[in-house]
Protein backbone atom coordinates (compact mmCIF):
# COMPACT_ATOMS: atom_id res chain seq x y z
CA UNK A 1 -65.58 -65.21 -129.28
CA UNK A 2 -65.19 -63.78 -133.31
CA UNK A 3 -61.41 -63.67 -134.53
CA UNK A 4 -61.71 -59.95 -134.82
CA UNK A 5 -62.35 -59.56 -130.96
CA UNK A 6 -59.52 -62.90 -130.54
CA UNK A 7 -57.33 -60.40 -132.41
CA UNK A 8 -57.78 -57.23 -130.45
CA UNK A 9 -57.24 -59.57 -127.17
CA UNK A 10 -53.90 -60.76 -128.75
CA UNK A 11 -52.44 -57.06 -129.64
CA UNK A 12 -53.51 -56.26 -126.00
CA UNK A 13 -51.59 -59.23 -124.72
CA UNK A 14 -48.49 -58.83 -127.26
CA UNK A 15 -48.33 -54.89 -126.06
CA UNK A 16 -47.98 -55.99 -122.38
CA UNK A 17 -45.13 -58.30 -122.78
CA UNK A 18 -43.67 -55.48 -125.45
CA UNK A 19 -43.98 -53.42 -122.28
CA UNK A 20 -41.28 -55.50 -120.39
CA UNK A 21 -39.11 -54.33 -123.21
CA UNK A 22 -37.69 -51.47 -120.59
CA UNK A 23 -35.87 -54.07 -119.09
CA UNK A 24 -33.74 -54.01 -121.89
CA UNK A 25 -32.24 -50.82 -120.31
CA UNK A 26 -30.47 -53.07 -118.03
CA UNK A 27 -28.53 -55.03 -120.93
CA UNK A 28 -27.39 -51.70 -122.51
CA UNK A 29 -25.89 -50.45 -119.22
CA UNK A 30 -23.66 -53.67 -119.60
CA UNK A 31 -23.75 -54.16 -123.67
CA UNK A 32 -23.94 -51.19 -126.71
CA UNK A 33 -27.25 -51.75 -127.98
CA UNK A 34 -26.32 -53.17 -131.32
CA UNK A 35 -24.60 -56.14 -129.43
CA UNK A 36 -27.70 -56.17 -127.45
CA UNK A 37 -30.27 -56.59 -129.97
CA UNK A 38 -28.08 -58.96 -131.54
CA UNK A 39 -28.36 -61.32 -128.39
CA UNK A 40 -32.01 -60.37 -128.18
CA UNK A 41 -32.70 -61.75 -131.62
CA UNK A 42 -30.26 -64.85 -131.50
CA UNK A 43 -31.90 -66.10 -128.87
CA UNK A 44 -35.21 -65.69 -130.38
CA UNK A 45 -34.04 -67.33 -133.55
CA UNK A 46 -32.87 -70.56 -131.85
CA UNK A 47 -36.40 -70.48 -130.44
CA UNK A 48 -38.37 -69.95 -133.50
CA UNK A 49 -36.40 -72.20 -135.87
CA UNK A 50 -37.78 -75.37 -135.08
CA UNK A 51 -40.86 -74.12 -135.33
CA UNK A 52 -40.48 -72.72 -138.29
CA UNK A 53 -38.98 -75.55 -140.22
CA UNK A 54 -42.02 -77.65 -138.96
CA UNK A 55 -44.21 -75.17 -141.29
CA UNK A 56 -45.69 -77.38 -144.29
CA UNK A 57 -45.87 -74.40 -146.27
CA UNK A 58 -43.04 -73.12 -148.02
CA UNK A 59 -44.05 -71.11 -150.79
CA UNK A 60 -41.08 -71.30 -153.17
CA UNK A 61 -40.46 -67.16 -153.41
CA UNK A 62 -40.82 -67.06 -149.83
CA UNK A 63 -37.46 -64.83 -149.52
CA UNK A 64 -38.47 -62.68 -152.25
CA UNK A 65 -41.87 -62.24 -150.56
CA UNK A 66 -40.75 -61.79 -146.94
CA UNK A 67 -37.19 -60.23 -147.02
CA UNK A 68 -37.89 -56.85 -148.14
CA UNK A 69 -40.53 -55.85 -145.64
CA UNK A 70 -38.55 -57.96 -143.03
CA UNK A 71 -36.06 -55.27 -143.88
CA UNK A 72 -37.98 -53.02 -142.86
CA UNK A 73 -39.39 -54.45 -139.32
CA UNK A 74 -35.56 -54.48 -138.49
CA UNK A 75 -34.78 -51.14 -140.03
CA UNK A 76 -37.16 -50.06 -137.46
CA UNK A 77 -35.49 -51.19 -134.42
CA UNK A 78 -31.72 -49.62 -135.97
CA UNK A 79 -33.25 -46.14 -136.86
CA UNK A 80 -34.53 -46.29 -133.45
CA UNK A 81 -31.39 -46.83 -131.70
CA UNK A 82 -29.80 -44.50 -133.94
CA UNK A 83 -32.35 -41.69 -133.28
CA UNK A 84 -31.53 -42.60 -129.40
CA UNK A 85 -27.99 -41.37 -129.69
CA UNK A 86 -28.68 -37.77 -130.44
CA UNK A 87 -32.01 -37.20 -129.97
CA UNK A 88 -34.36 -38.42 -126.63
CA UNK A 89 -36.89 -41.16 -125.75
CA UNK A 90 -39.73 -38.44 -125.37
CA UNK A 91 -39.41 -37.18 -128.63
CA UNK A 92 -39.36 -41.00 -130.17
CA UNK A 93 -42.60 -41.29 -128.08
CA UNK A 94 -44.33 -38.26 -129.81
CA UNK A 95 -42.99 -39.22 -133.43
CA UNK A 96 -44.17 -42.70 -133.10
CA UNK A 97 -47.89 -41.50 -131.87
CA UNK A 98 -48.04 -41.07 -135.66
CA UNK A 99 -47.70 -44.36 -136.80
CA UNK A 100 -51.39 -45.48 -137.04
CA UNK A 101 -52.54 -42.43 -138.93
CA UNK A 102 -49.53 -42.89 -141.31
CA UNK A 103 -50.13 -46.97 -141.83
CA UNK A 104 -53.75 -46.25 -142.46
CA UNK A 105 -53.28 -43.66 -145.20
CA UNK A 106 -50.69 -45.64 -146.64
CA UNK A 107 -52.60 -49.07 -146.23
CA UNK A 108 -55.78 -47.60 -148.10
CA UNK A 109 -53.20 -46.42 -151.08
CA UNK A 110 -51.68 -49.33 -151.58
CA UNK A 111 -53.48 -52.82 -149.61
CA UNK A 112 -56.91 -51.05 -150.29
CA UNK A 113 -58.02 -51.25 -146.69
CA UNK A 114 -60.78 -49.69 -145.80
CA UNK A 115 -60.47 -46.28 -143.51
CA UNK A 116 -63.73 -45.27 -142.24
CA UNK A 117 -64.94 -41.95 -140.29
CA UNK A 118 -65.45 -44.11 -137.39
CA UNK A 119 -61.64 -45.46 -137.69
CA UNK A 120 -60.24 -41.84 -138.41
CA UNK A 121 -61.73 -40.65 -135.52
CA UNK A 122 -60.66 -43.08 -133.25
CA UNK A 123 -57.27 -43.07 -134.47
CA UNK A 124 -57.46 -39.01 -133.81
CA UNK A 125 -58.64 -39.38 -130.18
CA UNK A 126 -56.10 -41.80 -129.37
CA UNK A 127 -53.33 -39.75 -130.69
CA UNK A 128 -54.56 -37.18 -128.41
CA UNK A 129 -54.25 -39.16 -125.48
CA UNK A 130 -50.49 -40.38 -126.40
CA UNK A 131 -49.69 -37.00 -127.00
CA UNK A 132 -51.28 -36.14 -123.63
CA UNK A 133 -49.34 -38.84 -121.95
CA UNK A 134 -46.07 -38.19 -123.16
CA UNK A 135 -46.13 -34.24 -123.47
CA UNK A 136 -47.29 -33.18 -119.69
CA UNK A 137 -45.21 -35.28 -117.60
CA UNK A 138 -42.06 -33.52 -119.76
CA UNK A 139 -43.22 -30.33 -119.38
CA UNK A 140 -43.83 -30.56 -115.47
CA UNK A 141 -40.52 -31.94 -115.25
CA UNK A 142 -38.56 -29.58 -117.49
CA UNK A 143 -37.28 -32.45 -119.82
CA UNK A 144 -36.48 -31.79 -123.43
CA UNK A 145 -39.49 -32.57 -125.97
CA UNK A 146 -38.18 -31.69 -129.12
CA UNK A 147 -34.89 -33.58 -129.01
CA UNK A 148 -32.51 -32.69 -132.02
CA UNK A 149 -32.91 -32.74 -135.75
CA UNK A 150 -30.80 -35.35 -136.83
CA UNK A 151 -32.01 -37.83 -134.01
CA UNK A 152 -35.89 -37.27 -134.66
CA UNK A 153 -35.42 -37.76 -138.51
CA UNK A 154 -34.17 -40.94 -137.77
CA UNK A 155 -37.20 -41.49 -135.50
CA UNK A 156 -39.34 -40.59 -138.34
CA UNK A 157 -37.63 -42.98 -140.63
CA UNK A 158 -38.32 -45.50 -137.98
CA UNK A 159 -42.07 -44.59 -137.78
CA UNK A 160 -42.51 -44.73 -141.44
CA UNK A 161 -40.63 -48.34 -142.31
CA UNK A 162 -42.61 -49.50 -139.30
CA UNK A 163 -45.71 -48.49 -140.70
CA UNK A 164 -44.63 -50.21 -144.24
CA UNK A 165 -43.73 -53.16 -142.41
CA UNK A 166 -47.06 -53.48 -141.14
CA UNK A 167 -48.67 -53.44 -144.32
CA UNK A 168 -46.26 -55.26 -145.70
CA UNK A 169 -47.06 -58.23 -143.34
CA UNK A 170 -50.48 -57.71 -143.62
CA UNK A 171 -50.57 -58.22 -147.67
CA UNK A 172 -48.14 -61.22 -146.98
CA UNK A 173 -50.72 -63.11 -144.52
CA UNK A 174 -54.15 -62.09 -146.18
CA UNK A 175 -53.17 -62.23 -150.22
CA UNK A 176 -50.32 -64.85 -150.58
CA UNK A 177 -51.39 -66.86 -147.69
CA UNK A 178 -48.42 -66.64 -145.20
CA UNK A 179 -48.66 -67.68 -141.64
CA UNK A 180 -48.10 -65.53 -138.60
CA UNK A 181 -45.19 -67.78 -137.61
CA UNK A 182 -43.44 -67.99 -140.93
CA UNK A 183 -43.76 -63.96 -141.14
CA UNK A 184 -42.53 -63.51 -137.45
CA UNK A 185 -39.63 -65.78 -137.92
CA UNK A 186 -38.54 -63.57 -140.91
CA UNK A 187 -38.56 -60.78 -139.09
CA UNK A 188 -36.41 -62.40 -136.19
CA UNK A 189 -33.95 -64.09 -138.83
CA UNK A 190 -33.43 -60.67 -140.31
CA UNK A 191 -33.04 -58.99 -137.49
CA UNK A 192 -30.59 -60.92 -135.56
CA UNK A 193 -28.41 -60.74 -139.21
CA UNK A 194 -28.66 -56.78 -139.15
CA UNK A 195 -27.81 -56.38 -135.64
CA UNK A 196 -24.86 -59.21 -135.95
CA UNK A 197 -23.44 -56.84 -138.60
CA UNK A 198 -23.83 -53.55 -136.52
CA UNK A 199 -22.24 -55.31 -133.54
CA UNK A 200 -19.16 -56.31 -135.67
CA UNK A 201 -18.31 -52.90 -134.98
CA UNK A 202 -18.61 -52.30 -131.59
CA UNK A 203 -18.47 -55.35 -129.97
CA UNK A 204 -15.91 -55.64 -126.62
CA UNK A 205 -14.05 -58.45 -125.04
CA UNK A 206 -15.48 -57.54 -121.55
CA UNK A 207 -18.68 -58.67 -123.14
CA UNK A 208 -17.97 -62.40 -122.95
CA UNK A 209 -17.19 -61.97 -119.30
CA UNK A 210 -20.98 -60.46 -118.66
CA UNK A 211 -22.56 -63.16 -120.39
CA UNK A 212 -21.56 -65.10 -117.76
CA UNK A 213 -23.51 -63.55 -115.24
CA UNK A 214 -27.16 -65.59 -114.68
CA UNK A 215 -29.15 -62.29 -114.24
CA UNK A 216 -27.67 -61.16 -117.64
CA UNK A 217 -28.42 -64.76 -119.62
CA UNK A 218 -32.14 -64.78 -117.90
CA UNK A 219 -32.84 -61.07 -118.94
CA UNK A 220 -31.73 -61.76 -122.67
CA UNK A 221 -33.75 -65.23 -122.64
CA UNK A 222 -37.08 -63.13 -121.58
CA UNK A 223 -36.07 -60.48 -124.39
CA UNK A 224 -35.70 -63.26 -127.11
CA UNK A 225 -38.52 -65.21 -125.89
CA UNK A 226 -41.19 -63.36 -124.48
CA UNK A 227 -40.67 -59.79 -125.96
CA UNK A 228 -39.57 -60.96 -129.53
CA UNK A 229 -41.09 -64.37 -130.64
CA UNK A 230 -44.18 -64.25 -128.59
CA UNK A 231 -45.20 -60.74 -129.09
CA UNK A 232 -44.19 -60.94 -132.76
CA UNK A 233 -45.94 -63.77 -133.55
CA UNK A 234 -49.47 -62.51 -131.71
CA UNK A 235 -48.78 -59.33 -133.58
CA UNK A 236 -48.92 -60.90 -136.98
CA UNK A 237 -51.53 -63.27 -135.76
CA UNK A 238 -53.85 -59.82 -135.10
CA UNK A 239 -52.75 -58.48 -138.24
CA UNK A 240 -53.88 -61.52 -140.23
CA UNK A 241 -57.27 -61.56 -138.49
CA UNK A 242 -57.82 -57.64 -138.48
CA UNK A 243 -56.02 -54.84 -140.73
CA UNK A 244 -52.54 -53.25 -140.40
CA UNK A 245 -54.27 -50.10 -139.31
CA UNK A 246 -55.74 -52.07 -136.21
CA UNK A 247 -52.40 -53.92 -135.38
CA UNK A 248 -50.81 -50.21 -135.54
CA UNK A 249 -52.89 -48.84 -132.53
CA UNK A 250 -50.80 -51.14 -130.24
CA UNK A 251 -48.64 -47.52 -130.70
CA UNK A 252 -51.35 -45.82 -128.50
CA UNK A 253 -51.31 -48.78 -125.61
CA UNK A 254 -47.74 -49.46 -125.36
CA UNK A 255 -47.22 -46.00 -123.18
CA UNK A 256 -49.98 -47.00 -121.09
CA UNK A 257 -48.57 -50.45 -120.60
CA UNK A 258 -45.06 -48.70 -120.24
CA UNK A 259 -46.08 -46.37 -117.33
CA UNK A 260 -47.75 -49.40 -115.48
CA UNK A 261 -44.78 -51.56 -115.44
CA UNK A 262 -42.89 -48.95 -114.23
CA UNK A 263 -45.36 -48.03 -111.36
CA UNK A 264 -45.09 -51.80 -110.56
CA UNK A 265 -41.31 -52.18 -111.11
CA UNK A 266 -39.74 -49.11 -110.48
CA UNK A 267 -42.32 -47.68 -107.78
CA UNK A 268 -43.45 -44.49 -110.37
CA UNK A 269 -46.66 -42.77 -109.34
CA UNK A 270 -49.48 -42.39 -111.80
CA UNK A 271 -49.92 -38.97 -112.76
CA UNK A 272 -53.49 -37.11 -113.61
CA UNK A 273 -51.94 -36.37 -117.18
CA UNK A 274 -51.56 -40.29 -117.39
CA UNK A 275 -54.85 -41.32 -115.78
CA UNK A 276 -56.83 -38.90 -118.46
CA UNK A 277 -54.60 -39.77 -121.49
CA UNK A 278 -55.35 -43.49 -120.70
CA UNK A 279 -59.12 -42.47 -120.89
CA UNK A 280 -58.66 -40.95 -123.89
CA UNK A 281 -56.62 -43.56 -125.79
CA UNK A 282 -59.31 -46.12 -124.76
CA UNK A 283 -62.07 -43.83 -125.58
CA UNK A 284 -60.57 -43.75 -129.10
CA UNK A 285 -60.44 -47.67 -129.27
CA UNK A 286 -63.59 -47.74 -127.87
CA UNK A 287 -64.75 -45.55 -130.88
CA UNK A 288 -63.71 -48.14 -133.41
CA UNK A 289 -64.11 -51.01 -131.86
CA UNK A 290 -66.90 -50.83 -129.59
CA UNK A 291 -69.68 -51.60 -131.93
CA UNK A 292 -68.07 -54.83 -132.28
CA UNK A 293 -67.39 -55.65 -128.80
CA UNK A 294 -70.77 -54.76 -128.01
CA UNK A 295 -72.09 -57.26 -130.69
CA UNK A 296 -69.90 -59.91 -129.51
CA UNK A 297 -71.24 -59.36 -125.86
CA UNK A 298 -74.85 -59.92 -126.94
CA UNK A 299 -74.01 -62.94 -128.67
CA UNK A 300 -72.14 -64.44 -125.39
CA UNK A 301 -75.28 -63.35 -123.43
CA UNK A 302 -77.88 -65.10 -126.00
CA UNK A 303 -75.82 -68.51 -125.70
């Protein structure tokens, strides 16, 4: 199996784990988003720290190289939470659907990543599928689609800085030789620090009692280990072996896995719009990666 195919599988696995982040809604009912974010990244920091310290390669300028775009990654999550205070998750889904297109254009300009007609076509088809998944159910239920301008501006800012993070991490891994673990560790440590600072303004004494509940503890552990350490490391491994543009396509897969988790965990029904949108999304991915997968299958058949 080629490294490119493994990277695609890593993206799918990371996004599958990431789709369980919806469980954080339970945490946010108990804590404010900033303290909940701090708990998640504090646990993740403790888990990943021993592995980070065992890394043999620690370049002299590591902080200078990794901190700026790690702040972008942390800013993505921070701006998203700020946007949710006045706008809607529906609007966020639609705005984030532009991430692969933005990433591909910026990556082509700043790190000379190739943007082929095939890739651009696949991104466009996938974008249509995500809009279909997100938009039609909202219209059918009469829910707000547009949100409001201040909140949506934070979503736009979150999407842009996430694209910059993807490009920065791709440059750090391909041009400067940083490992996926090191890049992921810096994002986790930076996010922990950013959310700790924000939580200083929102912390409430009853939070301490809530932390003693086993269900809350296990949920925070899940978010820290599986939704943070595992996903970020898999994601960075995929970026190292493919491209920032390819990794950004996980934005398209997220709504599909997210709905799937809700169907299993919450008993939600699959709508025709979801099925049609999912087919379109995977068609877009096939346009981009289908040729490689076919070649991979042929090579396996010959063995």
